[in-house]
Protein backbone atom coordinates (compact mmCIF):
# COMPACT_ATOMS: atom_id res chain seq x y z
CA MET A 1 -4.69 26.62 46.80
CA GLU A 2 -1.36 27.19 45.19
CA ARG A 3 -0.74 26.09 41.59
CA LYS A 4 2.62 24.86 40.46
CA GLN A 5 1.61 24.53 36.80
CA CYS A 6 3.29 26.72 34.26
CA ILE A 7 1.16 29.13 32.21
CA ARG A 8 2.71 30.71 29.14
CA VAL A 9 1.10 33.46 27.08
CA LYS A 10 2.41 34.53 23.68
CA GLN A 11 1.05 37.15 21.36
CA PHE A 12 1.08 36.58 17.60
CA GLY A 13 -0.47 39.71 16.07
CA ASN A 14 -4.20 39.59 16.92
CA VAL A 15 -3.96 36.10 18.42
CA LEU A 16 -3.06 35.14 21.97
CA GLN A 17 -1.60 31.69 22.51
CA ILE A 18 -2.18 30.46 26.05
CA ILE A 19 -0.39 27.29 27.09
CA VAL A 20 -1.26 25.67 30.40
CA GLU A 21 1.06 22.83 31.36
CA ILE A 22 -0.56 20.32 33.71
CA PRO A 23 1.13 17.00 34.51
CA TRP A 24 -0.92 14.01 33.34
CA GLN A 25 -0.65 12.24 36.73
CA GLU A 26 -2.31 15.19 38.48
CA VAL A 27 -5.19 15.28 36.05
CA HIS A 28 -6.13 11.60 35.81
CA GLY A 29 -3.59 9.54 37.66
CA GLN A 30 -3.67 6.90 34.92
CA ASN A 31 -4.75 6.57 31.35
CA GLN A 32 -8.48 5.86 31.46
CA TRP A 33 -8.51 4.55 27.90
CA LYS A 34 -6.08 1.75 28.68
CA ALA A 35 -8.57 -0.44 30.58
CA HIS A 36 -11.34 0.39 28.11
CA LEU A 37 -9.23 -0.56 25.06
CA GLU A 38 -8.03 -3.79 26.67
CA GLN A 39 -11.63 -4.77 27.30
CA LYS A 40 -12.67 -3.88 23.75
CA ALA A 41 -9.72 -5.82 22.30
CA ALA A 42 -11.05 -9.00 23.91
CA GLU A 43 -14.50 -8.36 22.42
CA ALA A 44 -13.25 -7.26 18.99
CA ALA A 45 -14.84 -8.76 15.91
CA PRO A 46 -12.64 -10.51 13.34
CA PRO A 47 -11.08 -8.15 10.80
CA SER A 48 -13.19 -7.24 7.81
CA THR A 49 -12.42 -8.81 4.45
CA TYR A 50 -14.34 -6.11 2.58
CA TRP A 51 -11.28 -4.56 0.93
CA ASN A 52 -9.84 -7.90 -0.25
CA ASP A 53 -13.26 -8.96 -1.55
CA LEU A 54 -13.63 -5.65 -3.39
CA LYS A 55 -10.17 -6.02 -4.97
CA THR A 56 -10.87 -9.53 -6.25
CA LYS A 57 -14.30 -8.48 -7.55
CA ILE A 58 -12.84 -5.46 -9.37
CA ILE A 59 -10.04 -7.53 -10.93
CA GLN A 60 -12.43 -10.26 -12.09
CA THR A 61 -14.90 -7.72 -13.48
CA PHE A 62 -12.15 -5.83 -15.29
CA LYS A 63 -10.86 -9.02 -16.91
CA SER A 64 -14.33 -9.67 -18.32
CA THR A 65 -15.27 -6.08 -19.30
CA ASN A 66 -11.81 -4.63 -20.00
CA ASN A 67 -13.25 -1.19 -19.16
CA VAL A 68 -12.40 0.71 -15.97
CA SER A 69 -15.56 2.84 -15.98
CA ALA A 70 -17.87 -0.15 -16.45
CA THR A 71 -15.97 -2.05 -13.78
CA ALA A 72 -16.39 0.81 -11.31
CA LYS A 73 -20.13 0.98 -11.99
CA LEU A 74 -20.64 -2.78 -11.69
CA CYS A 75 -18.63 -3.00 -8.46
CA LYS A 76 -20.33 0.09 -7.00
CA CYS A 77 -17.10 1.92 -6.21
CA SER A 78 -15.49 5.09 -7.45
CA TYR A 79 -13.61 5.27 -10.75
CA TYR A 80 -10.46 6.30 -8.88
CA THR A 81 -10.58 3.25 -6.58
CA ALA A 82 -11.18 0.84 -9.45
CA ASN A 83 -8.46 2.43 -11.59
CA ASP A 84 -5.97 2.37 -8.72
CA ILE A 85 -6.59 -1.31 -7.96
CA ILE A 86 -6.42 -2.26 -11.66
CA ARG A 87 -3.22 -0.26 -12.19
CA LYS A 88 -1.54 -1.93 -9.21
CA GLU A 89 -2.63 -5.39 -10.38
CA LYS A 90 -1.32 -4.73 -13.90
CA SER A 91 2.04 -3.56 -12.57
CA LYS A 92 2.22 -6.67 -10.36
CA GLU A 93 1.48 -8.91 -13.36
CA ASN A 94 4.08 -7.09 -15.49
CA ARG A 95 6.67 -7.39 -12.73
CA ASP A 96 5.98 -11.14 -12.40
CA ARG A 97 6.13 -11.59 -16.18
CA ARG A 98 9.45 -9.73 -16.33
CA GLN A 99 10.92 -11.75 -13.47
CA SER A 100 9.93 -15.03 -15.14
CA ALA A 101 11.49 -13.81 -18.42
CA ILE A 102 14.72 -12.94 -16.59
CA LYS A 103 14.75 -16.35 -14.94
CA GLU A 104 14.19 -18.08 -18.29
CA ALA A 105 17.00 -16.04 -19.90
CA LYS A 106 19.37 -16.99 -17.09
CA ASN A 107 18.44 -20.68 -17.47
CA LEU A 108 19.06 -20.56 -21.23
CA SER A 109 22.35 -18.75 -20.65
CA ALA A 110 23.38 -21.42 -18.14
CA ALA A 111 22.76 -23.99 -20.88
CA LYS A 112 25.49 -22.21 -22.95
CA MET A 113 23.07 -20.74 -25.49
CA PRO A 114 24.36 -17.58 -27.25
CA THR A 115 22.86 -14.27 -26.13
CA ARG A 116 21.70 -13.41 -29.66
CA ASP A 117 19.69 -16.61 -29.89
CA ILE A 118 18.12 -16.02 -26.49
CA ALA A 119 17.20 -12.48 -27.55
CA ARG A 120 15.67 -13.71 -30.80
CA ILE A 121 13.64 -16.40 -29.02
CA MET A 122 12.35 -14.02 -26.35
CA GLY A 123 11.79 -11.04 -28.68
CA LYS A 124 14.13 -8.76 -26.73
CA SER A 125 17.31 -6.96 -27.68
CA PRO A 126 20.64 -8.70 -27.04
CA GLU A 127 21.70 -5.83 -24.77
CA THR A 128 18.63 -6.36 -22.58
CA ILE A 129 19.41 -10.05 -22.31
CA ARG A 130 23.04 -9.26 -21.41
CA LEU A 131 21.89 -6.92 -18.64
CA TRP A 132 19.46 -9.51 -17.31
CA ILE A 133 22.12 -12.23 -17.26
CA LYS A 134 24.70 -9.93 -15.65
CA ALA A 135 22.34 -8.87 -12.84
């Protein structure tokens, strides 16, 4: 039987690299996993809500304990996981707080209130308020 596949051999120091190229159609004819995965997709269970449940539990526990280590122990997860989730939630809250402050500053500016007064009311510098209004 004559083979038409290509065999390449390369030497890299003490290592031989042997590459045998065989067309996929000659080996299997079709992808055997395709039918199997289509069948499994029909039988698949609904997606797990474990991660979302864990996030909400960690956030609620942290708000009551205000301690990352205690939160990790109570939620039975690693310190790194708890800290990562808490850090992301804090940054999300800070971003939302900042966006609401920017919106409020723009509303006050639209009502023809001076920038200095807006800055004094909000506890920010006038330059920050100017940048917020300009953006």
